Amino acid sequence: EVQLVESGGGLVQAGGSLRLSCVASGFTFGDYAIAWFRQAPGKEREGVSVISTGVDGTVYYADSVRGRFTISSDNAKKTVYLQMNNLKPEDTAVYYCAAERAFLVVRSHLSSKYEYDYWGQGTQVTVSS
């Protein structure tokens, strides 16, 4: 059974940091696009960052988080991390990870319309002002 399990969310003050984890199971993990999306109440789902678990390790970030968030992958642990620094109230959302087999990761993997094969259940991030 394929599973993506997110953790690490919580309540933090503006300017603080959190590290989200997405642990995968049930698939090989290599040569996948693993992405973080977020969705705030009343807003559309937004692609935050994506990483290739292949040898190239290609990454992309949304403009809204570039320079503050860092995505990384530990293939041995089948885990993708999202380090979030200098958090802002507008970062408040439920964060989801998603996975799709992909030999090439491109910016469109951050599109809200991209159809991923697998999704996690989400973890809440709340940033207070």
N, C-alpha and C. Protein backbone atom coordinates (compact mmCIF):
# COMPACT_ATOMS: atom_id res chain seq x y z
N GLU A 1 0.84 -1.19 0.00
CA GLU A 1 0.00 0.00 0.00
C GLU A 1 0.88 1.24 0.00
N VAL A 2 0.62 2.15 -0.93
CA VAL A 2 1.37 3.40 -1.00
C VAL A 2 0.88 4.36 0.07
N GLN A 3 1.82 4.94 0.79
CA GLN A 3 1.47 5.94 1.80
C GLN A 3 2.47 7.08 1.78
N LEU A 4 1.96 8.27 1.98
CA LEU A 4 2.77 9.45 2.25
C LEU A 4 2.26 10.01 3.57
N VAL A 5 3.14 10.15 4.54
CA VAL A 5 2.74 10.61 5.86
C VAL A 5 3.53 11.86 6.21
N GLU A 6 2.81 12.97 6.36
CA GLU A 6 3.44 14.23 6.72
C GLU A 6 3.45 14.40 8.24
N SER A 7 4.43 15.12 8.72
CA SER A 7 4.51 15.47 10.14
C SER A 7 5.34 16.73 10.27
N GLY A 8 5.31 17.31 11.46
CA GLY A 8 6.15 18.47 11.75
C GLY A 8 5.42 19.80 11.80
N GLY A 9 4.15 19.78 11.47
CA GLY A 9 3.40 21.03 11.54
C GLY A 9 3.18 21.47 12.98
N GLY A 10 2.65 22.67 13.13
CA GLY A 10 2.38 23.18 14.47
C GLY A 10 2.11 24.66 14.44
N LEU A 11 2.13 25.24 15.65
CA LEU A 11 1.90 26.67 15.82
C LEU A 11 3.24 27.34 16.11
N VAL A 12 3.53 28.39 15.39
CA VAL A 12 4.80 29.10 15.56
C VAL A 12 4.56 30.59 15.37
N GLN A 13 5.37 31.39 16.02
CA GLN A 13 5.27 32.84 15.85
C GLN A 13 5.94 33.27 14.54
N ALA A 14 5.50 34.39 14.03
CA ALA A 14 6.12 34.94 12.83
C ALA A 14 7.62 35.10 13.05
N GLY A 15 8.38 34.73 12.04
CA GLY A 15 9.83 34.76 12.14
C GLY A 15 10.43 33.45 12.59
N GLY A 16 9.58 32.54 13.05
CA GLY A 16 10.06 31.26 13.53
C GLY A 16 10.27 30.26 12.41
N SER A 17 10.60 29.02 12.81
CA SER A 17 10.93 27.96 11.85
C SER A 17 10.20 26.68 12.20
N LEU A 18 9.95 25.89 11.17
CA LEU A 18 9.43 24.54 11.31
C LEU A 18 10.08 23.67 10.24
N ARG A 19 10.19 22.37 10.53
CA ARG A 19 10.63 21.44 9.50
C ARG A 19 9.57 20.36 9.32
N LEU A 20 9.05 20.30 8.13
CA LEU A 20 8.06 19.28 7.80
C LEU A 20 8.77 18.05 7.22
N SER A 21 8.20 16.89 7.48
CA SER A 21 8.71 15.64 6.93
C SER A 21 7.60 14.92 6.17
N CYS A 22 7.98 14.27 5.11
CA CYS A 22 7.05 13.44 4.33
C CYS A 22 7.72 12.08 4.16
N VAL A 23 7.19 11.09 4.85
CA VAL A 23 7.75 9.74 4.79
C VAL A 23 6.93 8.90 3.83
N ALA A 24 7.63 8.31 2.86
CA ALA A 24 6.95 7.51 1.83
C ALA A 24 7.13 6.03 2.09
N SER A 25 6.15 5.26 1.69
CA SER A 25 6.25 3.80 1.77
C SER A 25 5.39 3.22 0.66
N GLY A 26 5.74 1.99 0.27
CA GLY A 26 4.94 1.29 -0.73
C GLY A 26 5.35 1.53 -2.16
N PHE A 27 6.40 2.32 -2.39
CA PHE A 27 6.93 2.47 -3.74
C PHE A 27 8.43 2.71 -3.66
N THR A 28 9.10 2.65 -4.79
CA THR A 28 10.56 2.58 -4.81
C THR A 28 11.24 3.90 -4.44
N PHE A 29 10.58 5.01 -4.61
CA PHE A 29 11.04 6.36 -4.21
C PHE A 29 12.01 6.98 -5.20
N GLY A 30 12.92 6.23 -5.77
CA GLY A 30 13.84 6.80 -6.73
C GLY A 30 13.11 7.23 -7.99
N ASP A 31 13.61 8.32 -8.63
CA ASP A 31 13.02 8.84 -9.86
C ASP A 31 11.56 9.24 -9.69
N TYR A 32 11.31 9.94 -8.64
CA TYR A 32 9.99 10.50 -8.37
C TYR A 32 10.09 12.01 -8.21
N ALA A 33 9.01 12.67 -8.54
CA ALA A 33 8.82 14.06 -8.16
C ALA A 33 8.03 14.05 -6.86
N ILE A 34 8.63 14.62 -5.83
CA ILE A 34 7.95 14.74 -4.53
C ILE A 34 7.75 16.23 -4.27
N ALA A 35 6.53 16.64 -4.10
CA ALA A 35 6.22 18.06 -3.98
C ALA A 35 5.50 18.36 -2.67
N TRP A 36 5.65 19.59 -2.24
CA TRP A 36 4.87 20.13 -1.12
C TRP A 36 3.88 21.13 -1.68
N PHE A 37 2.62 20.97 -1.33
CA PHE A 37 1.57 21.91 -1.65
C PHE A 37 0.99 22.43 -0.33
N ARG A 38 0.29 23.52 -0.42
CA ARG A 38 -0.41 24.02 0.76
C ARG A 38 -1.75 24.59 0.35
N GLN A 39 -2.67 24.58 1.28
CA GLN A 39 -3.98 25.14 1.03
C GLN A 39 -4.50 25.80 2.28
N ALA A 40 -4.76 27.09 2.16
CA ALA A 40 -5.35 27.86 3.25
C ALA A 40 -6.85 27.91 3.06
N PRO A 41 -7.60 28.12 4.14
CA PRO A 41 -9.06 28.18 4.03
C PRO A 41 -9.51 29.22 3.01
N GLY A 42 -10.38 28.82 2.10
CA GLY A 42 -10.91 29.73 1.11
C GLY A 42 -9.98 30.06 -0.03
N LYS A 43 -8.82 29.41 -0.06
CA LYS A 43 -7.86 29.69 -1.13
C LYS A 43 -7.58 28.43 -1.94
N GLU A 44 -7.06 28.66 -3.14
CA GLU A 44 -6.69 27.52 -3.98
C GLU A 44 -5.43 26.85 -3.45
N ARG A 45 -5.30 25.59 -3.78
CA ARG A 45 -4.08 24.87 -3.45
C ARG A 45 -2.90 25.51 -4.19
N GLU A 46 -1.79 25.63 -3.49
CA GLU A 46 -0.61 26.29 -4.04
C GLU A 46 0.59 25.36 -3.97
N GLY A 47 1.30 25.22 -5.05
CA GLY A 47 2.54 24.46 -5.05
C GLY A 47 3.63 25.25 -4.36
N VAL A 48 4.33 24.64 -3.42
CA VAL A 48 5.35 25.33 -2.63
C VAL A 48 6.75 24.99 -3.13
N SER A 49 7.02 23.69 -3.27
CA SER A 49 8.34 23.26 -3.70
C SER A 49 8.26 21.82 -4.18
N VAL A 50 9.19 21.47 -5.05
CA VAL A 50 9.24 20.11 -5.58
C VAL A 50 10.70 19.70 -5.72
N ILE A 51 10.95 18.41 -5.53
CA ILE A 51 12.30 17.89 -5.66
C ILE A 51 12.26 16.59 -6.44
N SER A 52 13.31 16.36 -7.21
CA SER A 52 13.49 15.09 -7.88
C SER A 52 14.27 14.16 -6.96
N THR A 53 13.80 12.94 -6.78
CA THR A 53 14.54 11.96 -5.99
C THR A 53 15.52 11.17 -6.85
N GLY A 54 15.65 11.56 -8.13
CA GLY A 54 16.66 10.98 -8.98
C GLY A 54 18.02 11.57 -8.72
N VAL A 55 19.00 11.18 -9.52
CA VAL A 55 20.38 11.60 -9.28
C VAL A 55 20.57 13.10 -9.46
N ASP A 56 19.74 13.75 -10.26
CA ASP A 56 19.93 15.19 -10.51
C ASP A 56 19.49 16.04 -9.34
N GLY A 57 18.49 15.57 -8.56
CA GLY A 57 18.05 16.33 -7.40
C GLY A 57 17.48 17.70 -7.72
N THR A 58 16.92 17.86 -8.89
CA THR A 58 16.35 19.15 -9.30
C THR A 58 15.31 19.63 -8.29
N VAL A 59 15.36 20.92 -8.01
CA VAL A 59 14.37 21.52 -7.11
C VAL A 59 13.79 22.78 -7.73
N TYR A 60 12.56 23.08 -7.36
CA TYR A 60 11.90 24.32 -7.74
C TYR A 60 11.15 24.83 -6.52
N TYR A 61 11.02 26.15 -6.47
CA TYR A 61 10.30 26.80 -5.38
C TYR A 61 9.30 27.80 -5.94
N ALA A 62 8.20 27.96 -5.23
CA ALA A 62 7.30 29.06 -5.53
C ALA A 62 7.98 30.37 -5.17
N ASP A 63 7.64 31.43 -5.89
CA ASP A 63 8.25 32.73 -5.61
C ASP A 63 7.98 33.18 -4.18
N SER A 64 6.83 32.80 -3.66
CA SER A 64 6.43 33.26 -2.32
C SER A 64 7.28 32.67 -1.19
N VAL A 65 8.02 31.60 -1.47
CA VAL A 65 8.80 30.96 -0.41
C VAL A 65 10.29 30.89 -0.72
N ARG A 66 10.68 31.27 -1.95
CA ARG A 66 12.09 31.16 -2.32
C ARG A 66 12.94 32.01 -1.38
N GLY A 67 14.02 31.42 -0.90
CA GLY A 67 14.90 32.11 0.02
C GLY A 67 14.55 31.88 1.49
N ARG A 68 13.36 31.37 1.74
CA ARG A 68 12.94 31.08 3.12
C ARG A 68 12.76 29.59 3.37
N PHE A 69 12.34 28.87 2.36
CA PHE A 69 12.09 27.43 2.49
C PHE A 69 13.16 26.66 1.74
N THR A 70 13.51 25.48 2.26
CA THR A 70 14.46 24.60 1.60
C THR A 70 13.91 23.18 1.59
N ILE A 71 13.87 22.59 0.41
CA ILE A 71 13.41 21.22 0.28
C ILE A 71 14.63 20.31 0.15
N SER A 72 14.56 19.13 0.75
CA SER A 72 15.65 18.18 0.65
C SER A 72 15.08 16.77 0.72
N SER A 73 15.92 15.82 0.33
CA SER A 73 15.47 14.43 0.26
C SER A 73 16.52 13.52 0.86
N ASP A 74 16.09 12.57 1.64
CA ASP A 74 16.94 11.50 2.14
C ASP A 74 16.39 10.21 1.56
N ASN A 75 16.97 9.78 0.44
CA ASN A 75 16.41 8.63 -0.25
C ASN A 75 16.50 7.35 0.58
N ALA A 76 17.54 7.23 1.38
CA ALA A 76 17.68 6.03 2.21
C ALA A 76 16.53 5.91 3.21
N LYS A 77 16.04 7.05 3.66
CA LYS A 77 14.92 7.06 4.61
C LYS A 77 13.59 7.26 3.92
N LYS A 78 13.61 7.40 2.58
CA LYS A 78 12.39 7.64 1.82
C LYS A 78 11.62 8.83 2.41
N THR A 79 12.34 9.87 2.67
CA THR A 79 11.76 11.03 3.34
C THR A 79 12.17 12.31 2.61
N VAL A 80 11.21 13.19 2.45
CA VAL A 80 11.45 14.52 1.92
C VAL A 80 11.13 15.52 3.01
N TYR A 81 12.01 16.50 3.16
CA TYR A 81 11.86 17.51 4.20
C TYR A 81 11.56 18.87 3.58
N LEU A 82 10.88 19.69 4.34
CA LEU A 82 10.69 21.09 3.96
C LEU A 82 11.06 21.93 5.17
N GLN A 83 12.23 22.53 5.10
CA GLN A 83 12.67 23.43 6.17
C GLN A 83 12.10 24.80 5.90
N MET A 84 11.34 25.32 6.83
CA MET A 84 10.65 26.59 6.64
C MET A 84 11.17 27.58 7.67
N ASN A 85 11.85 28.61 7.20
CA ASN A 85 12.41 29.64 8.06
C ASN A 85 11.71 30.97 7.81
N ASN A 86 11.86 31.87 8.78
CA ASN A 86 11.28 33.21 8.66
C ASN A 86 9.80 33.12 8.25
N LEU A 87 9.07 32.31 8.97
CA LEU A 87 7.67 32.08 8.64
C LEU A 87 6.84 33.33 8.82
N LYS A 88 5.85 33.46 7.96
CA LYS A 88 4.96 34.61 7.96
C LYS A 88 3.52 34.13 8.18
N PRO A 89 2.65 35.01 8.68
CA PRO A 89 1.25 34.59 8.86
C PRO A 89 0.62 34.07 7.58
N GLU A 90 1.03 34.59 6.45
CA GLU A 90 0.46 34.12 5.18
C GLU A 90 0.92 32.72 4.79
N ASP A 91 1.85 32.15 5.54
CA ASP A 91 2.26 30.76 5.32
C ASP A 91 1.30 29.78 6.00
N THR A 92 0.37 30.30 6.78
CA THR A 92 -0.59 29.44 7.47
C THR A 92 -1.43 28.67 6.46
N ALA A 93 -1.43 27.35 6.62
CA ALA A 93 -2.16 26.48 5.68
C ALA A 93 -2.00 25.04 6.13
N VAL A 94 -2.74 24.16 5.48
CA VAL A 94 -2.47 22.73 5.59
C VAL A 94 -1.47 22.40 4.48
N TYR A 95 -0.39 21.75 4.88
CA TYR A 95 0.66 21.39 3.94
C TYR A 95 0.56 19.90 3.61
N TYR A 96 0.59 19.61 2.31
CA TYR A 96 0.47 18.26 1.82
C TYR A 96 1.71 17.90 1.00
N CYS A 97 2.13 16.64 1.06
CA CYS A 97 3.13 16.19 0.11
C CYS A 97 2.45 15.29 -0.92
N ALA A 98 3.04 15.29 -2.09
CA ALA A 98 2.49 14.53 -3.21
C ALA A 98 3.64 13.90 -3.98
N ALA A 99 3.36 12.77 -4.63
CA ALA A 99 4.41 12.05 -5.34
C ALA A 99 3.91 11.54 -6.67
N GLU A 100 4.81 11.58 -7.64
CA GLU A 100 4.52 11.04 -8.95
C GLU A 100 5.81 10.54 -9.56
N ARG A 101 5.74 9.38 -10.25
CA ARG A 101 6.92 8.87 -10.94
C ARG A 101 7.30 9.85 -12.04
N ALA A 102 8.55 10.31 -12.01
CA ALA A 102 8.99 11.30 -12.99
C ALA A 102 10.49 11.21 -13.15
N PHE A 103 10.95 10.96 -14.36
CA PHE A 103 12.39 10.94 -14.62
C PHE A 103 12.92 12.35 -14.79
N LEU A 104 12.05 13.30 -15.04
CA LEU A 104 12.43 14.69 -15.20
C LEU A 104 11.43 15.55 -14.43
N VAL A 105 11.94 16.35 -13.51
CA VAL A 105 11.09 17.27 -12.74
C VAL A 105 11.18 18.64 -13.37
N VAL A 106 10.03 19.23 -13.61
CA VAL A 106 9.97 20.55 -14.24
C VAL A 106 9.11 21.48 -13.39
N ARG A 107 9.17 22.76 -13.69
CA ARG A 107 8.47 23.74 -12.88
C ARG A 107 6.96 23.48 -12.84
N SER A 108 6.43 22.92 -13.89
CA SER A 108 4.99 22.68 -13.91
C SER A 108 4.55 21.64 -12.88
N HIS A 109 5.51 20.95 -12.28
CA HIS A 109 5.17 20.05 -11.18
C HIS A 109 4.63 20.84 -9.98
N LEU A 110 4.80 22.15 -9.97
CA LEU A 110 4.26 22.98 -8.90
C LEU A 110 2.86 23.50 -9.21
N SER A 111 2.39 23.21 -10.40
CA SER A 111 1.06 23.70 -10.75
C SER A 111 -0.01 23.00 -9.92
N SER A 112 -1.00 23.78 -9.51
CA SER A 112 -2.11 23.20 -8.75
C SER A 112 -2.93 22.23 -9.60
N LYS A 113 -2.75 22.31 -10.90
CA LYS A 113 -3.53 21.44 -11.80
C LYS A 113 -2.79 20.15 -12.13
N TYR A 114 -1.54 20.04 -11.66
CA TYR A 114 -0.77 18.84 -11.97
C TYR A 114 -1.37 17.66 -11.23
N GLU A 115 -1.55 16.56 -11.91
CA GLU A 115 -2.18 15.39 -11.29
C GLU A 115 -1.13 14.44 -10.75
N TYR A 116 -1.00 14.44 -9.44
CA TYR A 116 -0.06 13.54 -8.79
C TYR A 116 -0.75 12.20 -8.49
N ASP A 117 0.09 11.16 -8.46
CA ASP A 117 -0.45 9.83 -8.20
C ASP A 117 -0.82 9.63 -6.75
N TYR A 118 -0.01 10.19 -5.85
CA TYR A 118 -0.18 9.92 -4.42
C TYR A 118 -0.17 11.21 -3.63
N TRP A 119 -0.99 11.26 -2.59
CA TRP A 119 -1.08 12.42 -1.70
C TRP A 119 -1.07 11.95 -0.25
N GLY A 120 -0.49 12.80 0.60
CA GLY A 120 -0.58 12.56 2.03
C GLY A 120 -1.83 13.19 2.62
N GLN A 121 -1.98 13.04 3.92
CA GLN A 121 -3.19 13.52 4.59
C GLN A 121 -3.08 14.98 5.03
N GLY A 122 -1.88 15.52 5.04
CA GLY A 122 -1.68 16.92 5.38
C GLY A 122 -1.27 17.15 6.82
N THR A 123 -0.59 18.25 7.05
CA THR A 123 -0.21 18.68 8.40
C THR A 123 -0.43 20.19 8.49
N GLN A 124 -1.02 20.62 9.59
CA GLN A 124 -1.40 22.03 9.75
C GLN A 124 -0.20 22.85 10.20
N VAL A 125 0.00 23.96 9.53
CA VAL A 125 1.00 24.95 9.94
C VAL A 125 0.26 26.25 10.21
N THR A 126 0.44 26.77 11.42
CA THR A 126 -0.20 28.03 11.80
C THR A 126 0.87 28.99 12.28
N VAL A 127 0.92 30.17 11.66
CA VAL A 127 1.91 31.18 12.01
C VAL A 127 1.17 32.37 12.60
N SER A 128 1.47 32.69 13.84
CA SER A 128 0.80 33.80 14.50
C SER A 128 1.62 35.08 14.32
N SER A 129 0.92 36.20 14.28
CA SER A 129 1.61 37.49 14.07
C SER A 129 2.02 38.11 15.39
